[in-house]
Amino acid sequence: MRGLSQPLRALSFEYVPPALDVVESCLQRLAELGTYLYNWSPGESMRLHWPEWVSAATLLEYLDRFPRQGNPGDVYARLLR
């Protein structure tokens, strides 16, 4: 994410439970570039977890509840403006 110099309309990255700090860093970088909403999919399901997109704070709070030895997933971001 550090290499991004302008916002992207949409993107995804892998979430690994023991590395929640990496997710937080990615979300902070995206916030510097624009206003994003988020969703995620557990494992390799390729299905969005929430019917509505949520804030970075909501996503982090939710992911923080998962066991650190849990399965990875994918975080999806879409630009609002």
PDB file of N, CA and C in Angstrom:
ATOM      1  N   MET A   1       0.817  -1.188   0.000  1.00  0.00           N
ATOM      2  CA  MET A   1       0.000   0.000   0.000  1.00  0.00           C
ATOM      3  C   MET A   1       0.866   1.258   0.000  1.00  0.00           C
ATOM      4  N   ARG A   2       2.046   1.166   0.576  1.00  0.00           N
ATOM      5  CA  ARG A   2       2.912   2.347   0.640  1.00  0.00           C
ATOM      6  C   ARG A   2       3.231   2.897  -0.737  1.00  0.00           C
ATOM      7  N   GLY A   3       3.246   2.041  -1.752  1.00  0.00           N
ATOM      8  CA  GLY A   3       3.589   2.471  -3.100  1.00  0.00           C
ATOM      9  C   GLY A   3       2.473   3.193  -3.832  1.00  0.00           C
ATOM     10  N   LEU A   4       1.270   3.180  -3.288  1.00  0.00           N
ATOM     11  CA  LEU A   4       0.153   3.867  -3.946  1.00  0.00           C
ATOM     12  C   LEU A   4       0.336   5.380  -3.840  1.00  0.00           C
ATOM     13  N   SER A   5       0.207   6.055  -4.960  1.00  0.00           N
ATOM     14  CA  SER A   5       0.318   7.506  -4.954  1.00  0.00           C
ATOM     15  C   SER A   5      -1.021   8.186  -5.230  1.00  0.00           C
ATOM     16  N   GLN A   6      -2.022   7.388  -5.596  1.00  0.00           N
ATOM     17  CA  GLN A   6      -3.361   7.921  -5.819  1.00  0.00           C
ATOM     18  C   GLN A   6      -4.368   6.837  -5.461  1.00  0.00           C
ATOM     19  N   PRO A   7      -5.597   7.227  -5.135  1.00  0.00           N
ATOM     20  CA  PRO A   7      -6.592   6.229  -4.741  1.00  0.00           C
ATOM     21  C   PRO A   7      -6.989   5.335  -5.913  1.00  0.00           C
ATOM     22  N   LEU A   8      -7.327   4.106  -5.590  1.00  0.00           N
ATOM     23  CA  LEU A   8      -7.880   3.167  -6.561  1.00  0.00           C
ATOM     24  C   LEU A   8      -9.377   3.057  -6.303  1.00  0.00           C
ATOM     25  N   ARG A   9     -10.153   2.822  -7.350  1.00  0.00           N
ATOM     26  CA  ARG A   9     -11.607   2.712  -7.186  1.00  0.00           C
ATOM     27  C   ARG A   9     -11.986   1.525  -6.314  1.00  0.00           C
ATOM     28  N   ALA A  10     -11.236   0.433  -6.443  1.00  0.00           N
ATOM     29  CA  ALA A  10     -11.502  -0.766  -5.653  1.00  0.00           C
ATOM     30  C   ALA A  10     -10.224  -1.592  -5.575  1.00  0.00           C
ATOM     31  N   LEU A  11     -10.100  -2.336  -4.494  1.00  0.00           N
ATOM     32  CA  LEU A  11      -8.946  -3.217  -4.336  1.00  0.00           C
ATOM     33  C   LEU A  11      -9.242  -4.242  -3.255  1.00  0.00           C
ATOM     34  N   SER A  12      -8.404  -5.255  -3.191  1.00  0.00           N
ATOM     35  CA  SER A  12      -8.516  -6.242  -2.126  1.00  0.00           C
ATOM     36  C   SER A  12      -7.121  -6.651  -1.686  1.00  0.00           C
ATOM     37  N   PHE A  13      -7.054  -7.153  -0.460  1.00  0.00           N
ATOM     38  CA  PHE A  13      -5.808  -7.691   0.059  1.00  0.00           C
ATOM     39  C   PHE A  13      -6.133  -8.796   1.058  1.00  0.00           C
ATOM     40  N   GLU A  14      -5.175  -9.685   1.261  1.00  0.00           N
ATOM     41  CA  GLU A  14      -5.383 -10.817   2.150  1.00  0.00           C
ATOM     42  C   GLU A  14      -5.278 -10.387   3.607  1.00  0.00           C
ATOM     43  N   TYR A  15      -6.155 -10.953   4.409  1.00  0.00           N
ATOM     44  CA  TYR A  15      -6.160 -10.752   5.848  1.00  0.00           C
ATOM     45  C   TYR A  15      -5.665 -12.035   6.503  1.00  0.00           C
ATOM     46  N   VAL A  16      -4.653 -11.917   7.359  1.00  0.00           N
ATOM     47  CA  VAL A  16      -4.120 -13.048   8.109  1.00  0.00           C
ATOM     48  C   VAL A  16      -4.306 -12.729   9.590  1.00  0.00           C
ATOM     49  N   PRO A  17      -5.098 -13.515  10.324  1.00  0.00           N
ATOM     50  CA  PRO A  17      -5.457 -13.175  11.701  1.00  0.00           C
ATOM     51  C   PRO A  17      -4.296 -12.781  12.627  1.00  0.00           C
ATOM     52  N   PRO A  18      -3.139 -13.443  12.582  1.00  0.00           N
ATOM     53  CA  PRO A  18      -2.073 -13.017  13.498  1.00  0.00           C
ATOM     54  C   PRO A  18      -1.469 -11.656  13.135  1.00  0.00           C
ATOM     55  N   ALA A  19      -1.811 -11.131  11.972  1.00  0.00           N
ATOM     56  CA  ALA A  19      -1.214  -9.879  11.500  1.00  0.00           C
ATOM     57  C   ALA A  19      -2.253  -8.769  11.367  1.00  0.00           C
ATOM     58  N   LEU A  20      -3.070  -8.610  12.382  1.00  0.00           N
ATOM     59  CA  LEU A  20      -4.092  -7.560  12.351  1.00  0.00           C
ATOM     60  C   LEU A  20      -3.451  -6.179  12.226  1.00  0.00           C
ATOM     61  N   ASP A  21      -2.245  -6.024  12.739  1.00  0.00           N
ATOM     62  CA  ASP A  21      -1.552  -4.741  12.624  1.00  0.00           C
ATOM     63  C   ASP A  21      -1.272  -4.374  11.170  1.00  0.00           C
ATOM     64  N   VAL A  22      -1.071  -5.377  10.325  1.00  0.00           N
ATOM     65  CA  VAL A  22      -0.852  -5.125   8.895  1.00  0.00           C
ATOM     66  C   VAL A  22      -2.135  -4.612   8.256  1.00  0.00           C
ATOM     67  N   VAL A  23      -3.261  -5.211   8.626  1.00  0.00           N
ATOM     68  CA  VAL A  23      -4.554  -4.739   8.122  1.00  0.00           C
ATOM     69  C   VAL A  23      -4.754  -3.284   8.546  1.00  0.00           C
ATOM     70  N   GLU A  24      -4.464  -2.988   9.793  1.00  0.00           N
ATOM     71  CA  GLU A  24      -4.631  -1.621  10.287  1.00  0.00           C
ATOM     72  C   GLU A  24      -3.748  -0.642   9.508  1.00  0.00           C
ATOM     73  N   SER A  25      -2.523  -1.027   9.220  1.00  0.00           N
ATOM     74  CA  SER A  25      -1.627  -0.165   8.436  1.00  0.00           C
ATOM     75  C   SER A  25      -2.171   0.067   7.028  1.00  0.00           C
ATOM     76  N   CYS A  26      -2.699  -0.981   6.427  1.00  0.00           N
ATOM     77  CA  CYS A  26      -3.281  -0.850   5.082  1.00  0.00           C
ATOM     78  C   CYS A  26      -4.472   0.097   5.090  1.00  0.00           C
ATOM     79  N   LEU A  27      -5.326  -0.038   6.100  1.00  0.00           N
ATOM     80  CA  LEU A  27      -6.496   0.826   6.192  1.00  0.00           C
ATOM     81  C   LEU A  27      -6.093   2.280   6.429  1.00  0.00           C
ATOM     82  N   GLN A  28      -5.060   2.494   7.231  1.00  0.00           N
ATOM     83  CA  GLN A  28      -4.574   3.855   7.460  1.00  0.00           C
ATOM     84  C   GLN A  28      -4.049   4.468   6.166  1.00  0.00           C
ATOM     85  N   ARG A  29      -3.298   3.684   5.393  1.00  0.00           N
ATOM     86  CA  ARG A  29      -2.768   4.195   4.129  1.00  0.00           C
ATOM     87  C   ARG A  29      -3.901   4.542   3.171  1.00  0.00           C
ATOM     88  N   LEU A  30      -4.892   3.679   3.077  1.00  0.00           N
ATOM     89  CA  LEU A  30      -6.027   3.957   2.197  1.00  0.00           C
ATOM     90  C   LEU A  30      -6.772   5.210   2.632  1.00  0.00           C
ATOM     91  N   ALA A  31      -6.895   5.428   3.943  1.00  0.00           N
ATOM     92  CA  ALA A  31      -7.564   6.637   4.451  1.00  0.00           C
ATOM     93  C   ALA A  31      -6.805   7.900   4.053  1.00  0.00           C
ATOM     94  N   GLU A  32      -5.502   7.797   3.908  1.00  0.00           N
ATOM     95  CA  GLU A  32      -4.711   8.953   3.458  1.00  0.00           C
ATOM     96  C   GLU A  32      -4.997   9.294   1.997  1.00  0.00           C
ATOM     97  N   LEU A  33      -5.433   8.309   1.241  1.00  0.00           N
ATOM     98  CA  LEU A  33      -5.666   8.489  -0.194  1.00  0.00           C
ATOM     99  C   LEU A  33      -7.099   8.870  -0.540  1.00  0.00           C
ATOM    100  N   GLY A  34      -8.047   8.503   0.303  1.00  0.00           N
ATOM    101  CA  GLY A  34      -9.445   8.766  -0.005  1.00  0.00           C
ATOM    102  C   GLY A  34     -10.360   8.190   1.051  1.00  0.00           C
ATOM    103  N   THR A  35     -11.646   8.250   0.787  1.00  0.00           N
ATOM    104  CA  THR A  35     -12.652   7.703   1.697  1.00  0.00           C
ATOM    105  C   THR A  35     -13.114   6.360   1.151  1.00  0.00           C
ATOM    106  N   TYR A  36     -12.881   5.329   1.940  1.00  0.00           N
ATOM    107  CA  TYR A  36     -13.207   3.972   1.523  1.00  0.00           C
ATOM    108  C   TYR A  36     -14.217   3.332   2.474  1.00  0.00           C
ATOM    109  N   LEU A  37     -14.973   2.402   1.938  1.00  0.00           N
ATOM    110  CA  LEU A  37     -15.799   1.494   2.721  1.00  0.00           C
ATOM    111  C   LEU A  37     -15.260   0.091   2.490  1.00  0.00           C
ATOM    112  N   TYR A  38     -15.577  -0.809   3.450  1.00  0.00           N
ATOM    113  CA  TYR A  38     -14.933  -2.121   3.453  1.00  0.00           C
ATOM    114  C   TYR A  38     -15.926  -3.259   3.637  1.00  0.00           C
ATOM    115  N   ASN A  39     -15.479  -4.427   3.190  1.00  0.00           N
ATOM    116  CA  ASN A  39     -16.161  -5.681   3.429  1.00  0.00           C
ATOM    117  C   ASN A  39     -15.083  -6.738   3.467  1.00  0.00           C
ATOM    118  N   TRP A  40     -15.437  -7.947   3.767  1.00  0.00           N
ATOM    119  CA  TRP A  40     -14.428  -9.005   3.774  1.00  0.00           C
ATOM    120  C   TRP A  40     -15.089 -10.342   3.495  1.00  0.00           C
ATOM    121  N   SER A  41     -14.281 -11.305   3.104  1.00  0.00           N
ATOM    122  CA  SER A  41     -14.780 -12.660   2.896  1.00  0.00           C
ATOM    123  C   SER A  41     -13.866 -13.614   3.655  1.00  0.00           C
ATOM    124  N   PRO A  42     -14.459 -14.521   4.400  1.00  0.00           N
ATOM    125  CA  PRO A  42     -13.665 -15.487   5.152  1.00  0.00           C
ATOM    126  C   PRO A  42     -13.112 -16.580   4.246  1.00  0.00           C
ATOM    127  N   GLY A  43     -11.898 -17.001   4.541  1.00  0.00           N
ATOM    128  CA  GLY A  43     -11.285 -18.098   3.795  1.00  0.00           C
ATOM    129  C   GLY A  43     -11.265 -17.837   2.305  1.00  0.00           C
ATOM    130  N   GLU A  44     -11.570 -18.845   1.553  1.00  0.00           N
ATOM    131  CA  GLU A  44     -11.615 -18.753   0.086  1.00  0.00           C
ATOM    132  C   GLU A  44     -13.052 -18.720  -0.419  1.00  0.00           C
ATOM    133  N   SER A  45     -13.971 -18.220   0.421  1.00  0.00           N
ATOM    134  CA  SER A  45     -15.394 -18.265   0.076  1.00  0.00           C
ATOM    135  C   SER A  45     -15.758 -17.349  -1.083  1.00  0.00           C
ATOM    136  N   MET A  46     -15.028 -16.245  -1.249  1.00  0.00           N
ATOM    137  CA  MET A  46     -15.305 -15.257  -2.288  1.00  0.00           C
ATOM    138  C   MET A  46     -16.728 -14.700  -2.164  1.00  0.00           C
ATOM    139  N   ARG A  47     -17.257 -14.717  -0.939  1.00  0.00           N
ATOM    140  CA  ARG A  47     -18.574 -14.149  -0.642  1.00  0.00           C
ATOM    141  C   ARG A  47     -18.399 -13.049   0.382  1.00  0.00           C
ATOM    142  N   LEU A  48     -18.986 -11.910   0.108  1.00  0.00           N
ATOM    143  CA  LEU A  48     -18.886 -10.806   1.057  1.00  0.00           C
ATOM    144  C   LEU A  48     -19.621 -11.155   2.350  1.00  0.00           C
ATOM    145  N   HIS A  49     -19.012 -10.828   3.449  1.00  0.00           N
ATOM    146  CA  HIS A  49     -19.566 -11.162   4.755  1.00  0.00           C
ATOM    147  C   HIS A  49     -20.794 -10.326   5.096  1.00  0.00           C
ATOM    148  N   TRP A  50     -20.749  -9.019   4.824  1.00  0.00           N
ATOM    149  CA  TRP A  50     -21.850  -8.126   5.168  1.00  0.00           C
ATOM    150  C   TRP A  50     -22.635  -7.705   3.936  1.00  0.00           C
ATOM    151  N   PRO A  51     -23.946  -7.533   4.064  1.00  0.00           N
ATOM    152  CA  PRO A  51     -24.729  -7.032   2.927  1.00  0.00           C
ATOM    153  C   PRO A  51     -24.434  -5.550   2.651  1.00  0.00           C
ATOM    154  N   GLU A  52     -24.021  -4.815   3.679  1.00  0.00           N
ATOM    155  CA  GLU A  52     -23.676  -3.398   3.545  1.00  0.00           C
ATOM    156  C   GLU A  52     -22.182  -3.226   3.791  1.00  0.00           C
ATOM    157  N   TRP A  53     -21.572  -2.272   3.124  1.00  0.00           N
ATOM    158  CA  TRP A  53     -20.158  -1.969   3.330  1.00  0.00           C
ATOM    159  C   TRP A  53     -20.014  -1.151   4.609  1.00  0.00           C
ATOM    160  N   VAL A  54     -18.862  -1.318   5.301  1.00  0.00           N
ATOM    161  CA  VAL A  54     -18.684  -0.716   6.619  1.00  0.00           C
ATOM    162  C   VAL A  54     -17.422   0.150   6.674  1.00  0.00           C
ATOM    163  N   SER A  55     -17.284   0.883   7.755  1.00  0.00           N
ATOM    164  CA  SER A  55     -16.111   1.728   7.969  1.00  0.00           C
ATOM    165  C   SER A  55     -14.894   0.882   8.341  1.00  0.00           C
ATOM    166  N   ALA A  56     -13.736   1.498   8.269  1.00  0.00           N
ATOM    167  CA  ALA A  56     -12.498   0.825   8.670  1.00  0.00           C
ATOM    168  C   ALA A  56     -12.565   0.436  10.147  1.00  0.00           C
ATOM    169  N   ALA A  57     -13.101   1.320  10.982  1.00  0.00           N
ATOM    170  CA  ALA A  57     -13.199   1.035  12.421  1.00  0.00           C
ATOM    171  C   ALA A  57     -14.070  -0.189  12.684  1.00  0.00           C
ATOM    172  N   THR A  58     -15.189  -0.295  11.996  1.00  0.00           N
ATOM    173  CA  THR A  58     -16.080  -1.452  12.162  1.00  0.00           C
ATOM    174  C   THR A  58     -15.386  -2.729  11.714  1.00  0.00           C
ATOM    175  N   LEU A  59     -14.712  -2.673  10.584  1.00  0.00           N
ATOM    176  CA  LEU A  59     -13.986  -3.842  10.088  1.00  0.00           C
ATOM    177  C   LEU A  59     -12.926  -4.293  11.095  1.00  0.00           C
ATOM    178  N   LEU A  60     -12.107  -3.369  11.573  1.00  0.00           N
ATOM    179  CA  LEU A  60     -11.049  -3.727  12.530  1.00  0.00           C
ATOM    180  C   LEU A  60     -11.621  -4.294  13.821  1.00  0.00           C
ATOM    181  N   GLU A  61     -12.682  -3.685  14.322  1.00  0.00           N
ATOM    182  CA  GLU A  61     -13.309  -4.173  15.546  1.00  0.00           C
ATOM    183  C   GLU A  61     -13.790  -5.615  15.364  1.00  0.00           C
ATOM    184  N   TYR A  62     -14.389  -5.890  14.233  1.00  0.00           N
ATOM    185  CA  TYR A  62     -14.900  -7.229  13.952  1.00  0.00           C
ATOM    186  C   TYR A  62     -13.758  -8.231  13.811  1.00  0.00           C
ATOM    187  N   LEU A  63     -12.747  -7.902  13.029  1.00  0.00           N
ATOM    188  CA  LEU A  63     -11.635  -8.827  12.812  1.00  0.00           C
ATOM    189  C   LEU A  63     -10.831  -9.065  14.092  1.00  0.00           C
ATOM    190  N   ASP A  64     -10.817  -8.089  14.977  1.00  0.00           N
ATOM    191  CA  ASP A  64     -10.091  -8.223  16.230  1.00  0.00           C
ATOM    192  C   ASP A  64     -10.708  -9.288  17.134  1.00  0.00           C
ATOM    193  N   ARG A  65     -11.953  -9.622  16.931  1.00  0.00           N
ATOM    194  CA  ARG A  65     -12.637 -10.640  17.746  1.00  0.00           C
ATOM    195  C   ARG A  65     -12.264 -12.068  17.353  1.00  0.00           C
ATOM    196  N   PHE A  66     -11.670 -12.237  16.169  1.00  0.00           N
ATOM    197  CA  PHE A  66     -11.338 -13.571  15.692  1.00  0.00           C
ATOM    198  C   PHE A  66     -10.095 -14.114  16.389  1.00  0.00           C
ATOM    199  N   PRO A  67     -10.053 -15.435  16.597  1.00  0.00           N
ATOM    200  CA  PRO A  67      -8.844 -16.034  17.172  1.00  0.00           C
ATOM    201  C   PRO A  67      -7.641 -15.779  16.265  1.00  0.00           C
ATOM    202  N   ARG A  68      -6.505 -15.488  16.867  1.00  0.00           N
ATOM    203  CA  ARG A  68      -5.297 -15.193  16.086  1.00  0.00           C
ATOM    204  C   ARG A  68      -4.810 -16.399  15.287  1.00  0.00           C
ATOM    205  N   GLN A  69      -5.242 -17.598  15.643  1.00  0.00           N
ATOM    206  CA  GLN A  69      -4.856 -18.782  14.880  1.00  0.00           C
ATOM    207  C   GLN A  69      -5.928 -19.170  13.856  1.00  0.00           C
ATOM    208  N   GLY A  70      -6.895 -18.293  13.634  1.00  0.00           N
ATOM    209  CA  GLY A  70      -7.983 -18.558  12.698  1.00  0.00           C
ATOM    210  C   GLY A  70      -7.542 -18.525  11.242  1.00  0.00           C
ATOM    211  N   ASN A  71      -8.478 -18.801  10.376  1.00  0.00           N
ATOM    212  CA  ASN A  71      -8.214 -18.834   8.938  1.00  0.00           C
ATOM    213  C   ASN A  71      -8.115 -17.426   8.352  1.00  0.00           C
ATOM    214  N   PRO A  72      -7.306 -17.270   7.313  1.00  0.00           N
ATOM    215  CA  PRO A  72      -7.215 -15.973   6.638  1.00  0.00           C
ATOM    216  C   PRO A  72      -8.458 -15.702   5.792  1.00  0.00           C
ATOM    217  N   GLY A  73      -8.515 -14.517   5.243  1.00  0.00           N
ATOM    218  CA  GLY A  73      -9.605 -14.126   4.359  1.00  0.00           C
ATOM    219  C   GLY A  73      -9.145 -12.961   3.508  1.00  0.00           C
ATOM    220  N   ASP A  74     -10.079 -12.320   2.849  1.00  0.00           N
ATOM    221  CA  ASP A  74      -9.758 -11.190   1.991  1.00  0.00           C
ATOM    222  C   ASP A  74     -10.547  -9.967   2.426  1.00  0.00           C
ATOM    223  N   VAL A  75      -9.861  -8.824   2.458  1.00  0.00           N
ATOM    224  CA  VAL A  75     -10.485  -7.536   2.738  1.00  0.00           C
ATOM    225  C   VAL A  75     -10.709  -6.839   1.396  1.00  0.00           C
ATOM    226  N   TYR A  76     -11.899  -6.286   1.214  1.00  0.00           N
ATOM    227  CA  TYR A  76     -12.244  -5.559  -0.004  1.00  0.00           C
ATOM    228  C   TYR A  76     -12.487  -4.096   0.357  1.00  0.00           C
ATOM    229  N   ALA A  77     -12.000  -3.209  -0.483  1.00  0.00           N
ATOM    230  CA  ALA A  77     -12.177  -1.775  -0.266  1.00  0.00           C
ATOM    231  C   ALA A  77     -12.745  -1.151  -1.528  1.00  0.00           C
ATOM    232  N   ARG A  78     -13.676  -0.212  -1.337  1.00  0.00           N
ATOM    233  CA  ARG A  78     -14.184   0.539  -2.486  1.00  0.00           C
ATOM    234  C   ARG A  78     -14.200   2.010  -2.131  1.00  0.00           C
ATOM    235  N   LEU A  79     -13.770   2.798  -3.084  1.00  0.00           N
ATOM    236  CA  LEU A  79     -13.626   4.239  -2.905  1.00  0.00           C
ATOM    237  C   LEU A  79     -14.980   4.929  -2.973  1.00  0.00           C
ATOM    238  N   LEU A  80     -15.236   5.801  -2.013  1.00  0.00           N
ATOM    239  CA  LEU A  80     -16.452   6.619  -2.045  1.00  0.00           C
ATOM    240  C   LEU A  80     -16.204   7.908  -2.813  1.00  0.00           C
ATOM    241  N   ARG A  81     -15.088   8.566  -2.512  1.00  0.00           N
ATOM    242  CA  ARG A  81     -14.737   9.806  -3.192  1.00  0.00           C
ATOM    243  C   ARG A  81     -13.260  10.039  -3.128  1.00  0.00           C
TER     244      ARG A  81
END
